[in-house]
Amino acid sequence: MPLTVDLVYVCENILKGRWRLSYHALQRCDERDLDAADLVSSLMDGEVLEDYPDDPRGSSCLVLCKLPDGSFLHLVCGMDSDGWLIIITVYRPKEQKWADERTRKKV
């Protein structure tokens, strides 16, 4: 099992069908009227913006994805104890925290 979650790990697990949405991510999708199939397909062309190798819950990363309609999403991805990809949460980058879809504002 890999020690870190990166785009290679994300794509390999999507292609193998070894992924799932957390309950939290599923709720965010419902609240934001997001289609899980769009999320998963957009992950294949995603871009890792931040790595969280030392997250107490396990290695994870923040991935920028572009949806078919041209809008951007951030997905936090991790892995479970069996090595499956978990999409932990999903959100649209907001101006309050992000200068653009790739750049976090300095506090």
Protein backbone atom coordinates (compact mmCIF):
# COMPACT_ATOMS: atom_id res chain seq x y z
CA MET A 1 0.00 0.00 0.00
CA PRO A 2 1.39 3.46 -0.86
CA LEU A 3 2.48 5.74 1.96
CA THR A 4 1.17 8.91 0.36
CA VAL A 5 -1.86 9.88 -1.65
CA ASP A 6 -0.86 11.44 -4.98
CA LEU A 7 -2.42 11.75 -8.42
CA VAL A 8 -1.01 8.41 -9.58
CA TYR A 9 -2.66 6.68 -6.60
CA VAL A 10 -5.92 8.57 -7.24
CA CYS A 11 -6.05 7.65 -10.94
CA GLU A 12 -5.05 4.01 -10.40
CA ASN A 13 -7.78 3.52 -7.83
CA ILE A 14 -10.42 5.19 -9.97
CA LEU A 15 -9.51 2.95 -12.92
CA LYS A 16 -9.68 -0.13 -10.67
CA GLY A 17 -13.04 0.96 -9.22
CA ARG A 18 -11.43 1.13 -5.75
CA TRP A 19 -12.91 4.43 -4.62
CA ARG A 20 -15.78 5.73 -2.56
CA LEU A 21 -17.28 8.98 -1.37
CA SER A 22 -17.27 9.60 2.36
CA TYR A 23 -20.63 10.37 3.92
CA HIS A 24 -19.44 13.97 4.32
CA ALA A 25 -18.52 14.25 0.62
CA LEU A 26 -21.85 12.74 -0.38
CA GLN A 27 -23.65 15.36 1.72
CA ARG A 28 -21.59 18.16 0.11
CA CYS A 29 -22.44 16.80 -3.36
CA ASP A 30 -26.15 16.78 -2.51
CA GLU A 31 -25.98 20.33 -1.06
CA ARG A 32 -24.11 21.65 -4.11
CA ASP A 33 -26.01 19.64 -6.74
CA LEU A 34 -22.81 17.91 -7.89
CA ASP A 35 -22.79 14.66 -9.83
CA ALA A 36 -20.44 11.98 -8.42
CA ALA A 37 -19.66 10.71 -11.93
CA ASP A 38 -18.46 14.20 -12.94
CA LEU A 39 -16.26 14.35 -9.83
CA VAL A 40 -14.64 11.02 -10.50
CA SER A 41 -14.00 11.67 -14.19
CA SER A 42 -12.60 15.13 -13.43
CA LEU A 43 -10.17 13.62 -10.91
CA MET A 44 -8.43 11.79 -13.75
CA ASP A 45 -7.24 15.17 -15.10
CA GLY A 46 -6.86 16.78 -11.68
CA GLU A 47 -3.93 18.70 -10.27
CA VAL A 48 -2.62 18.19 -6.73
CA LEU A 49 -2.44 21.59 -5.05
CA GLU A 50 -1.45 20.55 -1.54
CA ASP A 51 -0.12 17.37 0.08
CA TYR A 52 -1.01 16.38 3.63
CA PRO A 53 1.31 13.40 4.28
CA ASP A 54 1.23 13.87 8.05
CA ASP A 55 -2.52 14.25 8.50
CA PRO A 56 -3.43 12.42 11.74
CA ARG A 57 -6.24 10.60 9.88
CA GLY A 58 -3.81 9.40 7.20
CA SER A 59 -2.12 10.75 4.11
CA SER A 60 -4.32 12.93 1.92
CA CYS A 61 -4.11 15.65 -0.71
CA LEU A 62 -6.10 18.55 -2.12
CA VAL A 63 -6.90 18.10 -5.82
CA LEU A 64 -8.11 20.79 -8.20
CA CYS A 65 -10.62 19.51 -10.75
CA LYS A 66 -12.34 21.17 -13.68
CA LEU A 67 -15.91 20.08 -14.36
CA PRO A 68 -17.41 19.75 -17.84
CA ASP A 69 -19.17 23.13 -17.38
CA GLY A 70 -15.78 24.84 -16.84
CA SER A 71 -16.19 25.41 -13.10
CA PHE A 72 -13.54 24.35 -10.61
CA LEU A 73 -13.80 22.13 -7.55
CA HIS A 74 -11.45 21.17 -4.77
CA LEU A 75 -11.54 17.57 -3.60
CA VAL A 76 -9.68 16.26 -0.58
CA CYS A 77 -8.67 12.65 -1.22
CA GLY A 78 -7.29 10.08 1.18
CA MET A 79 -7.11 6.32 1.60
CA ASP A 80 -8.75 3.87 3.93
CA SER A 81 -7.01 1.05 5.79
CA ASP A 82 -7.58 -1.31 2.83
CA GLY A 83 -5.95 1.08 0.36
CA TRP A 84 -9.17 2.33 -1.25
CA LEU A 85 -9.36 5.94 -2.42
CA ILE A 86 -11.72 8.03 -0.31
CA ILE A 87 -13.06 11.35 -1.52
CA ILE A 88 -13.26 13.04 1.87
CA THR A 89 -14.85 16.36 0.92
CA VAL A 90 -15.70 18.50 -2.05
CA TYR A 91 -16.09 22.27 -2.32
CA ARG A 92 -15.86 25.18 -4.70
CA PRO A 93 -12.90 27.49 -3.98
CA LYS A 94 -14.33 30.71 -2.53
CA GLU A 95 -12.90 34.21 -2.94
CA GLN A 96 -12.59 34.67 0.82
CA LYS A 97 -9.90 31.96 1.02
CA TRP A 98 -8.60 31.61 -2.54
CA ALA A 99 -7.06 34.25 -4.83
CA ASP A 100 -7.91 31.95 -7.73
CA GLU A 101 -8.67 28.23 -8.06
CA ARG A 102 -4.97 27.34 -7.48
CA THR A 103 -3.72 29.96 -5.01
CA ARG A 104 -4.63 30.11 -1.34
CA LYS A 105 -4.74 33.67 0.00
CA LYS A 106 -2.10 34.63 2.53
CA VAL A 107 -3.64 35.26 5.93
